[in-house]
Amino acid sequence: MKRSLIFLLALLISASFARADTPSVIIGQLTGDPVSPAFAPKPDYAWSAQTNHVQGLGIFQAHIRPDGTVSSVDMIRSTGWRDLDKSSNVAFSKWRFRPVGHPAIVKIPVTFTLGIPSGPSHGGGIQGIPHSTPPKT
């Protein structure tokens, strides 16, 4: 009886940790030219970021051709982790928009969360070396 109670407790504790560490990628509201995505895969949550408990918010800018394909993606604000920035850039480059007949530009906010608290009072895990690109002039 005691052994089954210990097993049950261990199972419940491990299940609660699994739920608290569920990776999530959230795409925010697009801003810029009024265009609608027809195909918009979410970026992959890089394994290196998940294992280091990295969470981040980034902003990317997609340049859209008149036919709705993406010609390029610029990073406006880094997520703070190189692999998350790379997966965001790759995913947003694959997006397709409904054709609008003229070039367009949209900003795409993306948030990577693990369902765990972050910030100064919670530690937030190992963050790595943040990087960003210099602003274009």
Protein backbone atom coordinates (compact mmCIF):
# COMPACT_ATOMS: atom_id res chain seq x y z
CA MET A 1 0.00 0.00 0.00
CA LYS A 2 2.76 2.42 0.97
CA ARG A 3 4.67 1.59 -2.20
CA SER A 4 1.61 2.36 -4.42
CA LEU A 5 1.03 5.65 -2.62
CA ILE A 6 4.63 6.70 -3.25
CA PHE A 7 4.33 5.66 -6.91
CA LEU A 8 1.09 7.64 -7.28
CA LEU A 9 2.66 10.74 -5.71
CA ALA A 10 5.70 10.47 -7.98
CA LEU A 11 3.42 10.15 -11.01
CA LEU A 12 1.37 13.21 -10.02
CA ILE A 13 4.48 15.32 -9.39
CA SER A 14 6.05 14.36 -12.72
CA ALA A 15 2.77 15.11 -14.54
CA SER A 16 2.58 18.58 -12.99
CA PHE A 17 6.16 19.33 -14.05
CA ALA A 18 5.42 18.14 -17.59
CA ARG A 19 2.44 20.50 -17.85
CA ALA A 20 4.42 23.43 -16.46
CA ASP A 21 7.12 22.94 -19.09
CA THR A 22 4.89 22.70 -22.17
CA PRO A 23 6.43 24.63 -25.07
CA SER A 24 4.21 27.13 -26.82
CA VAL A 25 4.76 29.40 -29.81
CA ILE A 26 2.29 32.27 -30.09
CA ILE A 27 2.02 34.55 -33.11
CA GLY A 28 0.71 37.99 -32.15
CA GLN A 29 -1.42 40.42 -34.11
CA LEU A 30 0.12 41.35 -37.47
CA THR A 31 0.66 45.06 -38.03
CA GLY A 32 1.46 47.02 -41.16
CA ASP A 33 -0.17 46.68 -44.58
CA PRO A 34 -3.63 45.03 -44.57
CA VAL A 35 -2.85 41.52 -45.83
CA SER A 36 -4.16 38.11 -44.81
CA PRO A 37 -1.96 35.05 -44.41
CA ALA A 38 -3.16 32.04 -46.41
CA PHE A 39 -0.42 29.73 -45.11
CA ALA A 40 1.31 30.58 -41.82
CA PRO A 41 3.27 27.77 -40.11
CA LYS A 42 4.51 28.54 -36.62
CA PRO A 43 8.25 28.56 -35.95
CA ASP A 44 9.73 25.46 -34.35
CA TYR A 45 10.62 25.85 -30.68
CA ALA A 46 14.34 25.05 -30.94
CA TRP A 47 15.41 22.13 -28.77
CA SER A 48 18.45 24.09 -27.57
CA ALA A 49 16.14 26.79 -26.22
CA GLN A 50 13.75 24.30 -24.60
CA THR A 51 16.51 22.39 -22.82
CA ASN A 52 17.94 25.66 -21.49
CA HIS A 53 14.45 26.87 -20.43
CA VAL A 54 14.69 29.90 -22.71
CA GLN A 55 11.59 31.96 -23.36
CA GLY A 56 11.50 35.03 -25.55
CA LEU A 57 9.54 37.60 -27.50
CA GLY A 58 10.71 38.77 -30.90
CA ILE A 59 9.41 40.96 -33.70
CA PHE A 60 10.05 40.19 -37.35
CA GLN A 61 9.17 42.10 -40.51
CA ALA A 62 8.09 40.28 -43.67
CA HIS A 63 8.40 41.89 -47.08
CA ILE A 64 5.61 40.53 -49.27
CA ARG A 65 5.59 40.42 -53.07
CA PRO A 66 2.43 41.35 -55.02
CA ASP A 67 1.71 37.62 -55.55
CA GLY A 68 1.65 36.99 -51.76
CA THR A 69 5.02 35.25 -51.40
CA VAL A 70 7.59 36.52 -48.90
CA SER A 71 10.68 38.08 -50.48
CA SER A 72 12.60 38.57 -47.22
CA VAL A 73 12.29 38.63 -43.44
CA ASP A 74 14.08 41.12 -41.19
CA MET A 75 14.53 40.79 -37.45
CA ILE A 76 13.28 43.94 -35.73
CA ARG A 77 13.73 42.62 -32.19
CA SER A 78 15.60 39.46 -31.26
CA THR A 79 13.99 36.78 -29.10
CA GLY A 80 17.27 36.70 -27.20
CA TRP A 81 18.26 33.26 -28.45
CA ARG A 82 19.93 32.70 -31.82
CA ASP A 83 18.15 29.39 -32.58
CA LEU A 84 14.70 30.89 -31.90
CA ASP A 85 15.51 33.82 -34.19
CA LYS A 86 16.65 31.41 -36.90
CA SER A 87 13.54 29.19 -36.65
CA SER A 88 11.31 32.28 -36.75
CA ASN A 89 13.06 33.61 -39.85
CA VAL A 90 12.80 30.22 -41.59
CA ALA A 91 9.08 29.84 -40.75
CA PHE A 92 8.10 33.39 -41.71
CA SER A 93 9.96 33.03 -45.02
CA LYS A 94 7.58 30.16 -45.87
CA TRP A 95 4.43 32.18 -45.15
CA ARG A 96 2.08 32.91 -48.03
CA PHE A 97 -0.42 35.76 -48.15
CA ARG A 98 -3.48 36.38 -50.27
CA PRO A 99 -2.31 38.42 -53.28
CA VAL A 100 -2.88 42.15 -52.90
CA GLY A 101 -1.41 43.31 -56.22
CA HIS A 102 1.33 45.46 -54.69
CA PRO A 103 4.32 44.95 -52.38
CA ALA A 104 3.46 44.97 -48.68
CA ILE A 105 5.24 44.88 -45.33
CA VAL A 106 3.94 43.34 -42.09
CA LYS A 107 5.42 43.07 -38.64
CA ILE A 108 5.01 39.68 -36.95
CA PRO A 109 5.40 39.40 -33.16
CA VAL A 110 6.25 35.92 -31.88
CA THR A 111 6.41 34.64 -28.29
CA PHE A 112 8.12 31.44 -27.16
CA THR A 113 6.98 30.25 -23.72
CA LEU A 114 7.48 27.10 -21.70
CA GLY A 115 4.65 27.62 -19.26
CA ILE A 116 7.10 28.44 -16.48
CA PRO A 117 7.52 31.80 -14.77
CA SER A 118 10.42 33.92 -15.94
CA GLY A 119 11.93 37.19 -14.89
CA PRO A 120 14.26 38.35 -12.15
CA SER A 121 12.30 36.82 -9.28
CA HIS A 122 12.01 33.42 -10.95
CA GLY A 123 15.46 32.87 -12.40
CA GLY A 124 14.20 32.16 -15.90
CA GLY A 125 16.93 29.64 -16.71
CA ILE A 126 20.08 30.09 -18.71
CA GLN A 127 19.51 32.78 -21.30
CA GLY A 128 22.67 32.62 -23.38
CA ILE A 129 24.17 35.61 -25.10
CA PRO A 130 21.50 37.86 -26.56
CA HIS A 131 22.18 39.30 -29.97
CA SER A 132 20.48 41.63 -32.35
CA THR A 133 21.16 43.18 -35.67
CA PRO A 134 21.95 46.87 -35.91
CA PRO A 135 19.08 49.02 -37.13
CA LYS A 136 19.05 49.63 -40.89
CA THR A 137 19.39 53.20 -41.98
